[in-house]
């Protein structure tokens, strides 16, 4: 049984920071590209960042220079460090695991990030 368990969301003021974590179980973690997606109010789900098993990274333009994705294969965990947060970063954030080079995909349950003063 595959599980992706996210943690670290919450309410933060503009300019603040949060660190999201997603711990995976039931998969060979190193064989999966891990990613973070988000869905804001009234918006479609969008990709924020991903990281391959070998460490290659992708970032959406809107978060470049502010967010950093990393992974710990030994702990089967992917992280998203979010700095200089803006109100437009407010969204439900989802962790995604996709087997590299295949369609096998799993999603976390999502967690809320709210940036507001």
Protein backbone atom coordinates (compact mmCIF):
# COMPACT_ATOMS: atom_id res chain seq x y z
CA UNK A 1 0.00 0.00 0.00
CA UNK A 2 1.51 3.28 -1.15
CA UNK A 3 1.23 6.31 1.10
CA UNK A 4 2.48 9.86 0.72
CA UNK A 5 2.09 11.77 3.98
CA UNK A 6 2.58 15.54 3.82
CA UNK A 7 3.30 17.83 6.72
CA UNK A 8 4.48 21.36 7.46
CA UNK A 9 1.72 23.54 6.07
CA UNK A 10 0.01 26.37 7.90
CA UNK A 11 -0.48 30.11 8.13
CA UNK A 12 2.46 32.46 7.60
CA UNK A 13 2.87 36.17 7.03
CA UNK A 14 4.12 37.54 3.71
CA UNK A 15 7.89 37.29 3.57
CA UNK A 16 7.89 34.31 5.89
CA UNK A 17 9.05 30.74 5.38
CA UNK A 18 7.63 27.24 5.60
CA UNK A 19 9.13 23.80 4.99
CA UNK A 20 6.89 21.12 3.59
CA UNK A 21 7.73 17.43 3.98
CA UNK A 22 6.34 14.39 2.20
CA UNK A 23 7.22 10.95 3.51
CA UNK A 24 6.64 8.02 1.18
CA UNK A 25 6.05 4.39 2.00
CA UNK A 26 5.29 1.37 -0.13
CA UNK A 27 7.49 2.42 -3.06
CA UNK A 28 11.16 2.15 -4.02
CA UNK A 29 11.67 5.83 -3.35
CA UNK A 30 14.83 6.28 -5.44
CA UNK A 31 13.01 5.01 -8.54
CA UNK A 32 10.47 7.83 -8.38
CA UNK A 33 10.55 11.44 -9.44
CA UNK A 34 9.04 13.42 -6.60
CA UNK A 35 7.17 16.65 -7.07
CA UNK A 36 5.11 19.33 -5.42
CA UNK A 37 1.98 20.75 -7.01
CA UNK A 38 -0.47 23.35 -5.77
CA UNK A 39 -4.03 24.42 -6.40
CA UNK A 40 -5.12 27.91 -5.38
CA UNK A 41 -8.71 29.08 -5.01
CA UNK A 42 -10.40 28.96 -8.41
CA UNK A 43 -7.24 27.76 -10.14
CA UNK A 44 -6.13 24.58 -11.79
CA UNK A 45 -3.52 22.40 -10.17
CA UNK A 46 -0.05 23.53 -11.21
CA UNK A 47 3.42 22.08 -10.88
CA UNK A 48 5.67 23.87 -8.41
CA UNK A 49 8.85 21.82 -8.44
CA UNK A 50 10.14 18.31 -8.93
CA UNK A 51 13.29 16.34 -8.30
CA UNK A 52 14.46 13.18 -9.98
CA UNK A 53 16.00 10.18 -8.30
CA UNK A 54 19.42 11.41 -9.39
CA UNK A 55 18.78 14.90 -8.04
CA UNK A 56 17.87 16.82 -11.20
CA UNK A 57 15.45 19.64 -10.36
CA UNK A 58 12.73 21.68 -12.03
CA UNK A 59 11.03 24.82 -10.73
CA UNK A 60 8.08 26.81 -11.96
CA UNK A 61 9.06 30.35 -12.93
CA UNK A 62 6.84 31.79 -10.22
CA UNK A 63 8.87 30.16 -7.43
CA UNK A 64 12.42 30.25 -8.80
CA UNK A 65 14.81 31.81 -6.32
CA UNK A 66 12.31 31.45 -3.45
CA UNK A 67 11.58 27.71 -3.19
CA UNK A 68 14.03 24.83 -2.97
CA UNK A 69 13.20 21.16 -3.40
CA UNK A 70 15.35 18.40 -1.94
CA UNK A 71 15.10 14.72 -1.16
CA UNK A 72 16.51 12.24 1.33
CA UNK A 73 16.39 8.80 -0.27
CA UNK A 74 17.38 7.07 2.98
CA UNK A 75 14.35 8.61 4.71
CA UNK A 76 12.08 8.34 1.64
CA UNK A 77 11.19 11.99 2.11
CA UNK A 78 10.99 14.99 -0.19
CA UNK A 79 11.09 18.54 1.11
CA UNK A 80 10.01 21.92 -0.20
CA UNK A 81 11.65 24.88 1.49
CA UNK A 82 9.56 27.96 0.78
CA UNK A 83 11.07 31.38 1.53
CA UNK A 84 9.87 34.91 0.90
CA UNK A 85 6.31 33.66 0.68
CA UNK A 86 3.71 35.80 -1.06
CA UNK A 87 -0.08 35.88 -0.75
CA UNK A 88 -0.32 34.36 -4.23
CA UNK A 89 1.46 31.26 -2.89
CA UNK A 90 -1.69 30.51 -0.89
CA UNK A 91 -2.92 27.11 -2.08
CA UNK A 92 -3.47 23.49 -1.28
CA UNK A 93 -0.09 21.81 -1.82
CA UNK A 94 0.17 18.20 -2.99
CA UNK A 95 3.06 15.77 -3.07
CA UNK A 96 3.32 13.55 -6.15
CA UNK A 97 5.41 10.48 -6.86
CA UNK A 98 5.85 9.29 -10.44
CA UNK A 99 7.94 6.30 -11.39
CA UNK A 100 10.72 7.69 -13.56
CA UNK A 101 10.02 6.93 -17.20
CA UNK A 102 6.59 5.44 -16.52
CA UNK A 103 3.01 6.47 -15.79
CA UNK A 104 2.71 4.94 -12.31
CA UNK A 105 1.70 7.91 -10.16
CA UNK A 106 0.65 8.53 -6.57
CA UNK A 107 -0.61 11.65 -4.81
CA UNK A 108 -0.63 12.83 -1.23
CA UNK A 109 -3.76 14.10 0.44
CA UNK A 110 -2.74 17.77 0.23
CA UNK A 111 -2.09 20.37 2.88
CA UNK A 112 -3.02 24.01 3.15
CA UNK A 113 -0.53 26.85 2.94
CA UNK A 114 -1.96 30.29 3.65
CA UNK A 115 0.11 33.46 3.28
CA UNK A 116 -1.65 36.39 4.88
CA UNK A 117 -1.04 39.27 7.23
